[in-house]
Amino acid sequence: MTADLIITNATVYTVDGVRPWASSLAIKNGRVLSLEDLERGPSTEVVDLEGAFVLPGLVDVHNHHALAGRSALFELNFGVDAGFEDILTAVRSRAAGLGPDEWVIGGAWASTLVSTLSRSSARHALDEAAGGRPVMLSDDSRHNRWVSSRALALAGITASTPDPAGGEIVRDPSTGEPVGVLLEAAGVAVERALSETRTLTDEQHAAASRHGIGTLHSYGVTAFQDAGVSSDILRALKSLDDAGELHAWVVSSLLINDPIFGFDPIGAPLLEVAGRYRSEHHRPDFVKIFLDGVPPTRTAAFLEPYLPDDVHGACHHGATTMPGDELVGWLRTAAAAGLSAKVHCTGDASVRATLDAVEEVRAEGFAEARFQVAHGQFVHPDDLPRFAALGVAADISPFLWVPGVIPAAIAEVLPGERAGRMQPNRSLLDEGALVAGGSDWPVSESPNAWEGIHGLVTRQDPTGTFPGALWPEQAITLAEAIEVFTLSAARAMGVDDVTGSLVPGKSADFVVLDRDPFRTDPSALVKTNVTQTWFAGHRVYQRV
């Protein structure tokens, strides 16, 4: 059988234990036909890579591709290194080009700015910069908002508005007035007020997904799981695939609860309609449950308390968003419908609650459902072996826990010996757990897997901005890190039947690198660049 395409003179790392290395790929009908340079027919295309290094297409188990695309195309963007005055300057510039009632939307401000922004004077400065327009700016976790007075008014948030379940309206201690910082579910009212006056068209939603996927291609990602979708995002993905424009394997996570996005529908109504958006490359196969918040705002659920503060006292542990029996009910409902589940857990108490719930559901006979603990920065040692025993994947985002802004913010609210013991990846692997890599982009500033791989191997900040190494004993090897962002991630999201490794029969998804990472100093792994990305035997990105 002759191939349509032969990739030759390459260094191919297959991420397959049976045959880890090859020098050629023969491809037919978008699938890997052989790891040999087969007989060529008159129409066979031959690409000589001149010894370049080839990997399977990278797999990102946790991102928000459409939100990232929407942000890039339609919103104000500034980095987490922006200070208070920098943000005001950016808002002022953006507002100058808007109508008097148009929203300024964007982000992401650093978690370390919470105290700076939690003052009425800061909100007044934001009002002035925006010329009285409604403003909503997300923090680096995308869980929390800083909003203007006009946005508060449109959302109906006043001094008498009670805190919603799972959220907090930060207030001026002397007047009780909202200062403009809204934690977790408190921001949903503003998201809904925004949706009443600013609605994207179907084409704009498709453009956001198209842009997000194009960005992922530039970093070599050919398969990903969107960690929380709306019906608009589902519709956009289906429309792209129907038009032959969806050049990635996409798994969508259907929101069961929604403390941050303000999407509608969620829960059972969303599960009822999701099947109509299934297509060749799009699998709406997971549900997503937010079981807690994030540590910097003390909304993650921990077994031991946070450091004392004036608002929460000395015994605050945070709390899960739902009791254990409700979590078990949703996992059971999902499994009975043939769906798997991704559960957001950033504190060790929420991780334990998820493992307890999975144990109960597994005991009821649901052996096939996949379960993921998303983030899981903190895991109690007693729970480490339970991941493998229960078949729960650890969805990790090393972009977020190497030395940097978010770990610095966590260190302000947890005792030092606990704050520094994040992401026990070595221990999880040694216990036999499936560890899968995700970027959580746009919470991370880019979906560059080599930032994550660098962090996994060195436990250091890939940018070199923040010194030191975070819990270096938990470093893993380069081969393990590559598998985390290829085959392991594919297994965790249920697409290892078609991608994640380069073996005959799987989709011809691969990336060409500018260097051999195995011959690269670990301190320079982050400098690895993708020169070409191929999906199903077609080149979808070429570096220029």
Protein backbone atom coordinates (compact mmCIF):
# COMPACT_ATOMS: atom_id res chain seq x y z
CA MET A 1 0.00 0.00 0.00
CA THR A 2 1.45 3.37 -1.00
CA ALA A 3 1.28 6.34 1.33
CA ASP A 4 -0.22 9.77 0.62
CA LEU A 5 2.56 11.41 2.60
CA ILE A 6 5.96 10.31 3.84
CA ILE A 7 7.87 12.22 6.48
CA THR A 8 11.47 11.17 6.15
CA ASN A 9 14.92 11.93 7.57
CA ALA A 10 13.46 12.84 10.97
CA THR A 11 14.13 11.99 14.61
CA VAL A 12 10.69 10.73 15.67
CA TYR A 13 9.93 10.20 19.35
CA THR A 14 6.69 8.21 19.24
CA VAL A 15 5.76 8.13 22.97
CA ASP A 16 5.06 4.44 22.42
CA GLY A 17 6.80 1.97 24.71
CA VAL A 18 6.91 -0.76 22.07
CA ARG A 19 8.78 1.37 19.54
CA PRO A 20 9.80 4.74 20.98
CA TRP A 21 11.97 5.90 18.09
CA ALA A 22 11.69 6.03 14.31
CA SER A 23 13.11 8.05 11.43
CA SER A 24 10.08 8.13 9.13
CA LEU A 25 6.30 8.34 9.12
CA ALA A 26 4.15 6.98 6.31
CA ILE A 27 0.66 8.49 6.28
CA LYS A 28 -2.50 7.60 4.38
CA ASN A 29 -5.95 9.15 4.67
CA GLY A 30 -4.81 11.21 7.62
CA ARG A 31 -3.66 8.21 9.67
CA VAL A 32 -0.25 6.79 10.47
CA LEU A 33 0.24 3.87 8.09
CA SER A 34 3.75 2.86 9.13
CA LEU A 35 6.89 4.03 10.90
CA GLU A 36 8.86 3.01 7.82
CA ASP A 37 9.67 4.83 4.59
CA LEU A 38 7.29 2.80 2.40
CA GLU A 39 7.23 2.44 -1.34
CA ARG A 40 6.24 5.70 -2.95
CA GLY A 41 3.55 6.11 -5.57
CA PRO A 42 3.36 8.82 -8.23
CA SER A 43 1.17 11.02 -6.02
CA THR A 44 3.02 10.47 -2.74
CA GLU A 45 4.16 13.70 -1.13
CA VAL A 46 7.58 13.44 0.53
CA VAL A 47 8.74 15.85 3.23
CA ASP A 48 12.42 15.66 4.17
CA LEU A 49 12.84 17.13 7.67
CA GLU A 50 16.63 17.09 7.52
CA GLY A 51 16.97 15.40 10.89
CA ALA A 52 14.47 17.58 12.77
CA PHE A 53 12.89 16.29 15.99
CA VAL A 54 9.27 15.10 15.81
CA LEU A 55 6.79 14.45 18.61
CA PRO A 56 3.13 13.44 18.65
CA GLY A 57 0.80 16.42 18.62
CA LEU A 58 0.70 17.91 22.10
CA VAL A 59 -2.43 17.39 24.19
CA ASP A 60 -3.77 20.04 26.60
CA VAL A 61 -6.18 18.48 29.10
CA HIS A 62 -7.37 21.79 30.52
CA ASN A 63 -7.88 25.08 28.77
CA HIS A 64 -10.59 27.57 27.84
CA HIS A 65 -9.81 28.02 24.17
CA ALA A 66 -12.91 30.03 23.27
CA LEU A 67 -12.58 32.40 26.21
CA ALA A 68 -8.95 32.95 25.24
CA GLY A 69 -9.98 33.63 21.65
CA ARG A 70 -12.73 35.98 22.77
CA SER A 71 -10.31 37.82 25.01
CA ALA A 72 -7.74 38.21 22.24
CA LEU A 73 -10.26 39.41 19.66
CA PHE A 74 -12.73 41.48 21.64
CA GLU A 75 -11.33 42.47 25.05
CA LEU A 76 -8.67 44.52 26.84
CA ASN A 77 -5.55 42.53 27.67
CA PHE A 78 -2.82 43.32 30.18
CA GLY A 79 -0.40 40.98 31.93
CA VAL A 80 -0.21 40.03 35.58
CA ASP A 81 2.89 42.20 35.86
CA ALA A 82 0.67 45.28 35.42
CA GLY A 83 0.46 47.42 38.54
CA PHE A 84 -2.53 49.45 39.72
CA GLU A 85 -1.63 52.57 37.72
CA ASP A 86 -0.76 50.47 34.66
CA ILE A 87 -4.24 48.95 34.72
CA LEU A 88 -5.89 52.35 35.02
CA THR A 89 -3.86 53.61 32.07
CA ALA A 90 -4.93 50.61 29.97
CA VAL A 91 -8.58 51.14 30.90
CA ARG A 92 -8.38 54.84 30.08
CA SER A 93 -6.92 54.09 26.66
CA ARG A 94 -9.52 51.43 25.90
CA ALA A 95 -12.44 53.55 27.08
CA ALA A 96 -11.40 56.44 24.85
CA GLY A 97 -12.51 54.48 21.81
CA LEU A 98 -15.87 53.35 23.19
CA GLY A 99 -19.35 54.78 23.33
CA PRO A 100 -20.64 56.21 26.63
CA ASP A 101 -22.44 53.00 27.65
CA GLU A 102 -20.05 50.38 26.24
CA TRP A 103 -18.32 47.97 28.59
CA VAL A 104 -14.60 47.75 29.22
CA ILE A 105 -13.91 44.03 29.67
CA GLY A 106 -10.53 42.43 30.18
CA GLY A 107 -7.79 41.16 32.43
CA ALA A 108 -5.89 39.75 34.07
CA TRP A 109 -4.84 41.49 37.28
CA ALA A 110 -2.52 39.72 39.69
CA SER A 111 -3.93 37.94 42.74
CA THR A 112 -1.45 39.89 44.83
CA LEU A 113 -3.42 43.08 44.06
CA VAL A 114 -6.54 42.01 45.98
CA SER A 115 -5.81 44.25 48.97
CA THR A 116 -4.89 47.20 46.73
CA LEU A 117 -8.15 46.95 44.80
CA SER A 118 -10.31 46.31 47.87
CA ARG A 119 -10.77 50.02 48.60
CA SER A 120 -13.54 52.38 47.57
CA SER A 121 -10.87 54.83 46.42
CA ALA A 122 -9.61 52.22 43.95
CA ARG A 123 -13.10 51.83 42.50
CA HIS A 124 -13.45 55.61 42.18
CA ALA A 125 -10.13 55.69 40.29
CA LEU A 126 -11.46 52.97 37.99
CA ASP A 127 -14.65 54.99 37.42
CA GLU A 128 -12.60 58.02 36.44
CA ALA A 129 -10.35 56.06 34.09
CA ALA A 130 -13.38 54.55 32.34
CA GLY A 131 -15.28 57.81 32.11
CA GLY A 132 -18.17 56.33 34.08
CA ARG A 133 -18.53 53.30 31.80
CA PRO A 134 -19.19 49.82 33.12
CA VAL A 135 -15.94 47.91 33.66
CA MET A 136 -15.31 44.25 34.51
CA LEU A 137 -11.72 43.05 34.87
CA SER A 138 -10.85 39.45 35.77
CA ASP A 139 -7.99 38.37 37.99
CA ASP A 140 -5.28 35.87 37.03
CA SER A 141 -7.38 32.91 38.20
CA ARG A 142 -10.40 34.17 36.20
CA HIS A 143 -12.47 33.41 39.30
CA ASN A 144 -12.68 36.96 40.65
CA ARG A 145 -13.67 40.38 39.29
CA TRP A 146 -12.85 44.03 39.82
CA VAL A 147 -15.71 46.19 38.58
CA SER A 148 -16.68 49.83 38.36
CA SER A 149 -19.57 51.63 40.05
CA ARG A 150 -21.61 51.55 36.84
CA ALA A 151 -21.14 47.77 36.54
CA LEU A 152 -22.28 47.32 40.15
CA ALA A 153 -25.38 49.41 39.42
CA LEU A 154 -26.26 47.45 36.27
CA ALA A 155 -25.88 44.21 38.24
CA GLY A 156 -28.05 45.54 41.08
CA ILE A 157 -25.31 45.08 43.67
CA THR A 158 -25.65 47.48 46.62
CA ALA A 159 -24.73 47.61 50.29
CA SER A 160 -27.89 45.63 51.08
CA THR A 161 -27.16 42.85 48.57
CA PRO A 162 -26.34 39.63 50.46
CA ASP A 163 -23.33 37.57 49.51
CA PRO A 164 -24.38 34.80 47.12
CA ALA A 165 -23.71 31.19 47.95
CA GLY A 166 -20.11 30.48 47.08
CA GLY A 167 -19.15 34.11 46.66
CA GLU A 168 -18.27 37.30 48.51
CA ILE A 169 -18.94 40.96 47.80
CA VAL A 170 -15.93 42.70 49.32
CA ARG A 171 -17.19 45.71 51.28
CA ASP A 172 -15.83 48.90 52.81
CA PRO A 173 -15.54 48.07 56.53
CA SER A 174 -16.74 51.53 57.56
CA THR A 175 -19.75 51.91 55.22
CA GLY A 176 -20.64 48.42 54.07
CA GLU A 177 -20.59 49.63 50.46
CA PRO A 178 -19.21 47.26 47.81
CA VAL A 179 -15.65 48.28 46.95
CA GLY A 180 -15.79 46.70 43.50
CA VAL A 181 -13.99 43.41 44.16
CA LEU A 182 -16.27 40.41 43.68
CA LEU A 183 -15.01 36.98 44.66
CA GLU A 184 -16.16 33.80 42.92
CA ALA A 185 -19.97 33.61 42.50
CA ALA A 186 -20.41 37.26 43.46
CA GLY A 187 -19.22 38.17 39.96
CA VAL A 188 -21.94 36.18 38.17
CA ALA A 189 -24.48 39.01 38.55
CA VAL A 190 -22.13 41.31 36.63
CA GLU A 191 -21.53 38.65 33.96
CA ARG A 192 -25.30 38.42 33.49
CA ALA A 193 -25.69 42.19 33.34
CA LEU A 194 -22.99 42.22 30.67
CA SER A 195 -24.75 39.53 28.64
CA GLU A 196 -27.90 41.65 28.50
CA THR A 197 -26.11 44.47 26.71
CA ARG A 198 -23.23 42.76 24.90
CA THR A 199 -24.04 39.58 23.00
CA LEU A 200 -21.62 37.99 20.56
CA THR A 201 -22.96 36.67 17.28
CA ASP A 202 -22.60 33.03 16.21
CA GLU A 203 -19.86 34.12 13.80
CA GLN A 204 -18.01 35.93 16.59
CA HIS A 205 -18.17 32.81 18.76
CA ALA A 206 -16.85 30.76 15.83
CA ALA A 207 -14.11 33.35 15.29
CA ALA A 208 -13.13 33.11 18.97
CA SER A 209 -12.84 29.31 18.75
CA ARG A 210 -11.00 29.53 15.43
CA HIS A 211 -8.53 32.04 16.89
CA GLY A 212 -8.02 29.98 20.04
CA ILE A 213 -7.34 26.81 18.07
CA GLY A 214 -4.96 28.65 15.75
CA THR A 215 -3.01 29.82 18.77
CA LEU A 216 -2.92 26.26 20.12
CA HIS A 217 -1.57 25.06 16.77
CA SER A 218 1.26 27.56 17.02
CA TYR A 219 2.34 25.77 20.20
CA GLY A 220 1.92 22.28 18.73
CA VAL A 221 -1.37 21.40 20.41
CA THR A 222 -3.61 19.16 18.28
CA ALA A 223 -5.98 17.89 20.98
CA PHE A 224 -7.45 19.62 24.00
CA GLN A 225 -10.20 19.58 26.58
CA ASP A 226 -12.12 22.79 27.10
CA ALA A 227 -12.74 22.87 30.84
CA GLY A 228 -16.10 24.64 30.83
CA VAL A 229 -18.27 25.36 27.82
CA SER A 230 -21.46 27.26 27.06
CA SER A 231 -24.01 26.28 24.46
CA ASP A 232 -22.53 29.05 22.29
CA ILE A 233 -19.11 27.38 22.41
CA LEU A 234 -20.63 23.96 21.65
CA ARG A 235 -22.46 25.43 18.67
CA ALA A 236 -19.31 27.15 17.41
CA LEU A 237 -17.28 23.91 17.55
CA LYS A 238 -19.99 21.99 15.72
CA SER A 239 -20.24 24.66 13.03
CA LEU A 240 -16.47 24.65 12.51
CA ASP A 241 -16.35 20.87 12.19
CA ASP A 242 -19.30 20.79 9.82
CA ALA A 243 -17.44 23.32 7.65
CA GLY A 244 -14.25 21.24 7.69
CA GLU A 245 -12.44 23.84 9.81
CA LEU A 246 -11.98 22.03 13.13
CA HIS A 247 -8.39 20.79 12.90
CA ALA A 248 -8.07 19.37 16.42
CA TRP A 249 -9.56 16.70 18.65
CA VAL A 250 -11.74 18.61 21.09
CA VAL A 251 -13.38 17.30 24.26
CA SER A 252 -15.88 19.65 25.91
CA SER A 253 -16.77 19.82 29.60
CA LEU A 254 -20.44 20.59 30.32
CA LEU A 255 -20.91 22.83 33.35
CA ILE A 256 -22.92 21.37 36.21
CA ASN A 257 -22.48 24.44 38.39
CA ASP A 258 -21.14 27.83 37.39
CA PRO A 259 -19.69 30.10 40.06
CA ILE A 260 -17.75 32.30 37.65
CA PHE A 261 -18.92 32.42 34.01
CA GLY A 262 -22.62 33.22 34.16
CA PHE A 263 -23.43 30.73 31.36
CA ASP A 264 -26.98 29.57 30.70
CA PRO A 265 -28.02 26.76 30.44
CA ILE A 266 -25.97 24.65 32.83
CA GLY A 267 -26.61 21.38 34.64
CA ALA A 268 -29.30 19.00 33.47
CA PRO A 269 -30.65 21.28 30.69
CA LEU A 270 -27.17 21.53 29.16
CA LEU A 271 -26.63 17.77 29.39
CA GLU A 272 -29.92 17.23 27.56
CA VAL A 273 -28.86 19.23 24.48
CA ALA A 274 -25.11 18.56 24.35
CA GLY A 275 -25.38 15.44 22.21
CA ARG A 276 -26.62 17.41 19.22
CA TYR A 277 -23.21 19.14 19.03
CA ARG A 278 -21.18 15.93 18.71
CA SER A 279 -19.21 15.68 15.48
CA GLU A 280 -16.20 13.89 14.00
CA HIS A 281 -13.61 15.87 15.94
CA HIS A 282 -15.73 17.20 18.81
CA ARG A 283 -16.70 15.05 21.77
CA PRO A 284 -18.87 16.66 24.50
CA ASP A 285 -17.96 13.76 26.79
CA PHE A 286 -17.32 15.34 30.20
CA VAL A 287 -19.18 17.27 32.84
CA LYS A 288 -17.39 19.94 34.87
CA ILE A 289 -17.98 20.59 38.55
CA PHE A 290 -16.44 23.45 40.50
CA LEU A 291 -16.00 21.97 43.97
CA ASP A 292 -14.12 24.93 45.45
CA GLY A 293 -12.50 28.23 44.52
CA VAL A 294 -8.86 29.32 44.67
CA PRO A 295 -6.45 29.66 47.61
CA PRO A 296 -5.45 33.35 47.26
CA THR A 297 -9.01 34.48 48.02
CA ARG A 298 -9.47 31.78 50.71
CA THR A 299 -12.18 30.06 48.68
CA ALA A 300 -10.33 26.75 48.23
CA ALA A 301 -11.38 24.02 50.68
CA PHE A 302 -8.60 22.79 52.99
CA LEU A 303 -8.34 20.16 55.70
CA GLU A 304 -6.37 22.60 57.87
CA PRO A 305 -7.11 26.31 58.30
CA TYR A 306 -5.76 29.30 56.46
CA LEU A 307 -3.59 31.86 58.22
CA PRO A 308 -5.75 34.07 60.47
CA ASP A 309 -7.13 37.34 59.11
CA ASP A 310 -9.62 39.96 60.27
CA VAL A 311 -12.42 38.80 57.99
CA HIS A 312 -12.28 35.02 58.43
CA GLY A 313 -10.66 34.56 61.83
CA ALA A 314 -8.27 31.79 62.79
CA CYS A 315 -10.31 28.69 61.94
CA HIS A 316 -11.29 29.28 58.32
CA HIS A 317 -10.84 26.23 56.08
CA GLY A 318 -12.83 27.32 53.05
CA ALA A 319 -15.73 25.16 51.91
CA THR A 320 -16.81 22.97 49.06
CA THR A 321 -19.55 24.24 46.76
CA MET A 322 -21.77 21.23 47.44
CA PRO A 323 -22.09 18.47 50.04
CA GLY A 324 -20.72 15.01 49.34
CA ASP A 325 -24.07 13.39 48.57
CA GLU A 326 -24.81 16.01 45.91
CA LEU A 327 -21.40 15.46 44.33
CA VAL A 328 -21.98 11.71 44.28
CA GLY A 329 -25.36 12.32 42.68
CA TRP A 330 -23.89 14.36 39.84
CA LEU A 331 -21.07 11.89 39.23
CA ARG A 332 -23.62 9.07 39.15
CA THR A 333 -25.90 11.01 36.79
CA ALA A 334 -22.99 11.72 34.45
CA ALA A 335 -21.72 8.14 34.49
CA ALA A 336 -25.21 6.76 33.85
CA ALA A 337 -25.42 9.04 30.78
CA GLY A 338 -22.09 7.74 29.49
CA LEU A 339 -20.24 10.90 30.50
CA SER A 340 -17.04 11.41 32.46
CA ALA A 341 -16.28 14.16 34.97
CA LYS A 342 -13.68 16.85 35.59
CA VAL A 343 -13.83 18.26 39.13
CA HIS A 344 -12.11 21.54 40.00
CA CYS A 345 -10.25 21.08 43.29
CA THR A 346 -7.52 23.41 44.53
CA GLY A 347 -7.56 22.56 48.23
CA ASP A 348 -6.80 19.16 49.76
CA ALA A 349 -10.27 18.91 51.33
CA SER A 350 -11.98 19.18 47.95
CA VAL A 351 -9.54 16.60 46.51
CA ARG A 352 -10.47 14.19 49.30
CA ALA A 353 -14.19 14.85 48.81
CA THR A 354 -13.84 14.04 45.11
CA LEU A 355 -11.93 10.82 45.77
CA ASP A 356 -14.56 9.80 48.35
CA ALA A 357 -17.34 10.46 45.83
CA VAL A 358 -15.58 8.55 43.04
CA GLU A 359 -15.03 5.62 45.41
CA GLU A 360 -18.77 5.46 46.05
CA VAL A 361 -19.66 5.70 42.36
CA ARG A 362 -17.09 3.07 41.40
CA ALA A 363 -18.57 0.74 44.03
CA GLU A 364 -21.93 1.09 42.28
CA GLY A 365 -20.42 -0.45 39.15
CA PHE A 366 -19.47 2.55 37.03
CA ALA A 367 -16.10 1.25 35.93
CA GLU A 368 -15.84 2.94 32.52
CA ALA A 369 -16.34 6.59 33.43
CA ARG A 370 -13.23 8.74 33.49
CA PHE A 371 -12.69 11.08 36.42
CA GLN A 372 -10.24 13.95 36.68
CA VAL A 373 -9.18 16.07 39.64
CA ALA A 374 -8.50 19.40 38.00
CA HIS A 375 -5.56 21.38 39.41
CA GLY A 376 -5.22 19.50 42.69
CA GLN A 377 -2.35 21.71 43.80
CA PHE A 378 -2.62 20.34 47.33
CA VAL A 379 -3.10 16.64 48.05
CA HIS A 380 -2.91 15.08 51.51
CA PRO A 381 -0.28 12.30 51.57
CA ASP A 382 -2.92 9.75 52.58
CA ASP A 383 -4.80 10.46 49.34
CA LEU A 384 -1.91 10.04 46.90
CA PRO A 385 -2.35 6.26 46.36
CA ARG A 386 -6.11 6.67 45.93
CA PHE A 387 -5.72 8.30 42.50
CA ALA A 388 -4.41 5.10 40.91
CA ALA A 389 -6.60 2.83 43.00
CA LEU A 390 -9.76 4.65 41.90
CA GLY A 391 -8.69 5.41 38.34
CA VAL A 392 -8.71 9.18 38.87
CA ALA A 393 -6.45 11.29 36.65
CA ALA A 394 -4.54 14.25 38.05
CA ASP A 395 -5.14 17.19 35.69
CA ILE A 396 -2.20 19.45 36.53
CA SER A 397 -1.28 22.94 35.35
CA PRO A 398 2.43 23.49 36.05
CA PHE A 399 2.10 26.92 34.41
CA LEU A 400 0.30 28.08 37.57
CA TRP A 401 2.39 26.69 40.42
CA VAL A 402 6.04 27.17 39.49
CA PRO A 403 7.48 30.17 41.37
CA GLY A 404 5.43 33.18 40.30
CA VAL A 405 2.55 35.48 41.14
CA ILE A 406 -0.02 32.85 42.12
CA PRO A 407 2.30 30.89 44.46
CA ALA A 408 3.32 34.23 46.00
CA ALA A 409 -0.33 35.04 46.62
CA ILE A 410 -0.91 31.58 48.12
CA ALA A 411 2.04 32.10 50.45
CA GLU A 412 0.22 35.12 51.88
CA VAL A 413 -2.74 33.02 53.07
CA LEU A 414 -1.24 29.62 54.00
CA PRO A 415 1.53 28.73 56.45
CA GLY A 416 4.87 28.50 54.68
CA GLU A 417 5.38 24.77 55.12
CA ARG A 418 2.02 24.10 53.46
CA ALA A 419 2.18 26.81 50.79
CA GLY A 420 5.40 25.33 49.41
CA ARG A 421 4.10 21.78 49.09
CA MET A 422 2.19 22.13 45.85
CA GLN A 423 1.76 19.62 43.06
CA PRO A 424 3.24 16.32 44.27
CA ASN A 425 3.81 15.02 40.75
CA ARG A 426 6.71 12.69 41.52
CA SER A 427 4.70 11.06 44.28
CA LEU A 428 1.61 10.71 42.10
CA LEU A 429 3.58 9.02 39.32
CA ASP A 430 5.35 6.76 41.78
CA GLU A 431 1.95 5.70 43.13
CA GLY A 432 0.86 4.79 39.60
CA ALA A 433 -1.47 7.72 38.98
CA LEU A 434 -2.28 9.00 35.52
CA VAL A 435 -0.90 12.55 35.43
CA ALA A 436 -2.14 14.73 32.57
CA GLY A 437 -0.87 18.17 31.55
CA GLY A 438 -3.03 21.23 31.03
CA SER A 439 -2.32 24.92 30.60
CA ASP A 440 -5.56 26.42 31.97
CA TRP A 441 -5.01 29.09 29.33
CA PRO A 442 -5.95 31.98 29.45
CA VAL A 443 -5.39 31.74 33.22
CA SER A 444 -1.85 31.03 32.09
CA GLU A 445 -0.71 33.67 29.65
CA SER A 446 -0.05 31.15 26.88
CA PRO A 447 -0.72 27.45 26.19
CA ASN A 448 2.97 26.77 25.53
CA ALA A 449 3.45 23.21 26.79
CA TRP A 450 7.20 23.76 26.98
CA GLU A 451 6.65 26.17 29.84
CA GLY A 452 4.81 23.36 31.60
CA ILE A 453 7.38 20.72 30.70
CA HIS A 454 10.18 23.04 31.89
CA GLY A 455 8.36 23.47 35.20
CA LEU A 456 7.73 19.77 35.64
CA VAL A 457 11.40 18.92 35.10
CA THR A 458 13.04 21.82 36.98
CA ARG A 459 10.29 23.04 39.35
CA GLN A 460 11.53 26.53 38.45
CA ASP A 461 9.98 29.59 36.83
CA PRO A 462 10.56 29.17 33.07
CA THR A 463 10.81 32.94 32.58
CA GLY A 464 13.56 33.27 35.17
CA THR A 465 11.70 36.17 36.78
CA PHE A 466 11.06 34.42 40.09
CA PRO A 467 14.01 32.68 41.77
CA GLY A 468 14.16 29.32 43.46
CA ALA A 469 12.47 25.98 42.94
CA LEU A 470 9.14 24.92 44.39
CA TRP A 471 9.41 21.56 46.20
CA PRO A 472 12.22 20.31 43.90
CA GLU A 473 11.93 16.75 45.22
CA GLN A 474 8.74 16.48 43.13
CA ALA A 475 10.53 17.00 39.80
CA ILE A 476 9.92 14.38 37.10
CA THR A 477 12.00 13.30 34.11
CA LEU A 478 11.78 14.83 30.64
CA ALA A 479 10.36 11.63 29.14
CA GLU A 480 7.68 11.57 31.84
CA ALA A 481 6.90 15.26 31.28
CA ILE A 482 6.50 14.76 27.53
CA GLU A 483 4.14 11.86 28.16
CA VAL A 484 2.15 14.05 30.58
CA PHE A 485 1.49 16.45 27.68
CA THR A 486 0.83 13.75 25.06
CA LEU A 487 -0.36 10.20 25.69
CA SER A 488 -1.31 10.63 29.36
CA ALA A 489 -3.41 13.70 28.64
CA ALA A 490 -5.05 11.89 25.72
CA ARG A 491 -5.90 8.96 28.00
CA ALA A 492 -7.31 11.24 30.67
CA MET A 493 -9.71 12.88 28.22
CA GLY A 494 -10.57 9.72 26.30
CA VAL A 495 -8.96 10.40 22.92
CA ASP A 496 -6.02 8.00 23.19
CA ASP A 497 -7.81 5.85 20.62
CA VAL A 498 -6.97 8.45 17.97
CA THR A 499 -4.04 10.53 19.22
CA GLY A 500 -1.36 10.98 21.89
CA SER A 501 1.27 8.73 20.34
CA LEU A 502 2.57 7.95 16.87
CA VAL A 503 1.57 4.38 16.11
CA PRO A 504 -0.04 2.84 13.02
CA GLY A 505 -3.77 3.48 12.94
CA LYS A 506 -3.80 6.70 14.92
CA SER A 507 -4.35 10.16 13.50
CA ALA A 508 -1.21 11.63 11.94
CA ASP A 509 -0.94 14.44 14.49
CA PHE A 510 2.62 15.56 15.10
CA VAL A 511 4.86 18.55 15.73
CA VAL A 512 8.30 19.43 14.43
CA LEU A 513 10.63 21.12 16.92
CA ASP A 514 13.61 23.39 16.47
CA ARG A 515 15.76 21.21 18.76
CA ASP A 516 16.06 17.80 20.36
CA PRO A 517 14.76 18.31 23.91
CA PHE A 518 16.67 15.25 25.11
CA ARG A 519 19.89 17.00 24.13
CA THR A 520 18.84 20.33 25.63
CA ASP A 521 19.92 21.58 29.03
CA PRO A 522 16.87 21.41 31.35
CA SER A 523 17.26 25.11 32.11
CA ALA A 524 16.67 25.84 28.41
CA LEU A 525 13.68 23.58 27.75
CA VAL A 526 11.35 26.57 27.68
CA LYS A 527 13.23 27.87 24.62
CA THR A 528 11.97 24.91 22.58
CA ASN A 529 9.89 26.14 19.64
CA VAL A 530 7.42 24.45 17.33
CA THR A 531 8.29 24.95 13.66
CA GLN A 532 5.46 22.89 12.18
CA THR A 533 2.20 21.40 13.44
CA TRP A 534 0.38 18.66 11.52
CA PHE A 535 -3.14 17.39 12.16
CA ALA A 536 -4.52 14.32 10.40
CA GLY A 537 -1.68 14.45 7.91
CA HIS A 538 -2.16 18.12 7.01
CA ARG A 539 0.12 20.96 8.04
CA VAL A 540 -1.93 23.43 10.10
CA TYR A 541 0.93 25.63 11.29
CA GLN A 542 4.33 26.64 9.92
CA ARG A 543 6.63 28.99 11.77
CA VAL A 544 7.81 31.87 9.61
